Amino acid sequence: MINNKKVEEFLKSIEPEFNSFGSGYYHLPNAVTVYKESPDSMVVDLYLIDDVLTTQIWLNEDDEYILTDLEISYIYVYLNSLLDDEIRLTKQYYEQEHDQQETYYIK
């Protein structure tokens, strides 16, 4: 949980972006980015890749929000759960694609 409710609500309103930096045809996402600027100058910029978390939160142009250890843990778990869900969905997609290819070749 983030102590600043405005920051927490803003964070949860952001649509995450997923990336994969692996090689090969069937690679899974290993990075999630959450970034957004609000009209009142709040900026949330979070990035998790291969279990390394990078954070920057600005309440306005001159006031950086310093996260506590508990808030960092919360954000890590939140982003990691988003990434886990995306990996699960990607695996399902690959399995369905594979099943469709087998069906095509069998007929």
Protein backbone atom coordinates (compact mmCIF):
# COMPACT_ATOMS: atom_id res chain seq x y z
CA MET A 1 0.00 0.00 0.00
CA ILE A 2 1.19 3.49 -0.81
CA ASN A 3 0.76 6.05 1.97
CA ASN A 4 -0.30 8.79 -0.44
CA LYS A 5 -3.78 7.80 -1.68
CA LYS A 6 -3.62 10.19 -4.63
CA VAL A 7 -0.42 8.52 -5.85
CA GLU A 8 -1.87 5.02 -5.34
CA GLU A 9 -5.09 5.85 -7.24
CA PHE A 10 -3.11 7.46 -10.04
CA LEU A 11 -0.80 4.43 -10.25
CA LYS A 12 -3.71 2.00 -10.57
CA SER A 13 -5.30 4.11 -13.31
CA ILE A 14 -2.32 3.62 -15.61
CA GLU A 15 -2.42 0.99 -18.36
CA PRO A 16 0.82 -1.04 -18.16
CA GLU A 17 3.00 -1.70 -21.19
CA PHE A 18 4.81 -5.01 -21.57
CA ASN A 19 8.01 -5.75 -23.45
CA SER A 20 10.10 -8.78 -24.21
CA PHE A 21 13.81 -8.58 -24.71
CA GLY A 22 14.31 -12.28 -25.38
CA SER A 23 15.39 -13.96 -28.55
CA GLY A 24 13.62 -16.59 -30.56
CA TYR A 25 10.15 -16.93 -31.98
CA TYR A 26 8.18 -17.64 -28.80
CA HIS A 27 9.51 -15.23 -26.20
CA LEU A 28 7.69 -14.17 -23.06
CA PRO A 29 7.42 -10.65 -21.68
CA ASN A 30 10.07 -9.86 -19.08
CA ALA A 31 9.48 -6.13 -18.54
CA VAL A 32 6.58 -3.94 -17.51
CA THR A 33 6.43 -0.15 -17.67
CA VAL A 34 3.92 2.10 -15.97
CA TYR A 35 4.21 5.73 -17.04
CA LYS A 36 1.81 8.65 -17.01
CA GLU A 37 1.76 12.39 -16.51
CA SER A 38 -1.28 14.05 -15.00
CA PRO A 39 -2.60 17.49 -15.93
CA ASP A 40 -1.51 18.78 -12.50
CA SER A 41 2.13 17.74 -13.16
CA MET A 42 2.16 14.45 -11.25
CA VAL A 43 4.45 11.95 -12.98
CA VAL A 44 4.62 8.23 -12.28
CA ASP A 45 7.41 6.35 -14.03
CA LEU A 46 7.93 2.75 -12.93
CA TYR A 47 9.85 0.03 -14.70
CA LEU A 48 10.41 -3.62 -13.79
CA ILE A 49 12.71 -5.77 -15.91
CA ASP A 50 14.19 -9.10 -14.84
CA ASP A 51 13.29 -8.41 -11.17
CA VAL A 52 14.99 -4.98 -11.14
CA LEU A 53 12.65 -2.13 -10.20
CA THR A 54 13.23 1.50 -11.18
CA THR A 55 10.92 4.16 -9.76
CA GLN A 56 10.32 7.87 -10.12
CA ILE A 57 7.27 9.61 -8.78
CA TRP A 58 6.87 13.38 -8.88
CA LEU A 59 3.96 15.09 -7.14
CA ASN A 60 4.75 18.23 -9.15
CA GLU A 61 7.73 19.64 -11.02
CA ASP A 62 9.73 20.32 -7.86
CA ASP A 63 8.50 17.68 -5.40
CA GLU A 64 9.73 14.13 -5.86
CA TYR A 65 7.82 11.52 -3.87
CA ILE A 66 10.28 9.41 -1.89
CA LEU A 67 9.04 5.86 -1.45
CA THR A 68 9.37 3.96 1.81
CA ASP A 69 10.66 0.38 1.81
CA LEU A 70 7.10 -0.89 2.24
CA GLU A 71 5.89 1.18 -0.69
CA ILE A 72 8.72 -0.14 -2.85
CA SER A 73 7.77 -3.70 -1.90
CA TYR A 74 4.13 -2.96 -2.70
CA ILE A 75 5.02 -1.57 -6.14
CA TYR A 76 7.34 -4.50 -6.86
CA VAL A 77 4.63 -7.03 -6.00
CA TYR A 78 2.03 -5.04 -8.00
CA LEU A 79 4.19 -4.83 -11.14
CA ASN A 80 5.37 -8.42 -10.80
CA SER A 81 1.76 -9.63 -10.59
CA LEU A 82 0.90 -7.63 -13.74
CA LEU A 83 3.87 -9.23 -15.49
CA ASP A 84 2.90 -12.72 -14.28
CA ASP A 85 -0.63 -12.24 -15.64
CA GLU A 86 0.74 -11.08 -19.00
CA ILE A 87 3.10 -14.09 -19.16
CA ARG A 88 0.17 -16.42 -18.45
CA LEU A 89 -1.91 -14.78 -21.20
CA THR A 90 1.02 -14.93 -23.63
CA LYS A 91 1.51 -18.64 -22.95
CA GLN A 92 -2.21 -19.24 -23.56
CA TYR A 93 -1.96 -17.35 -26.84
CA TYR A 94 1.03 -19.43 -27.96
CA GLU A 95 -0.76 -22.66 -26.99
CA GLN A 96 -3.85 -21.66 -28.96
CA GLU A 97 -1.73 -20.66 -31.94
CA HIS A 98 0.07 -24.00 -31.77
CA ASP A 99 -3.25 -25.92 -31.56
CA GLN A 100 -4.60 -24.04 -34.60
CA GLN A 101 -1.48 -24.87 -36.62
CA GLU A 102 -1.75 -28.57 -35.74
CA THR A 103 -5.43 -28.56 -36.75
CA TYR A 104 -4.57 -26.87 -40.04
CA TYR A 105 -1.91 -29.41 -40.91
CA ILE A 106 -4.02 -32.42 -39.91
CA LYS A 107 -6.89 -31.51 -42.21
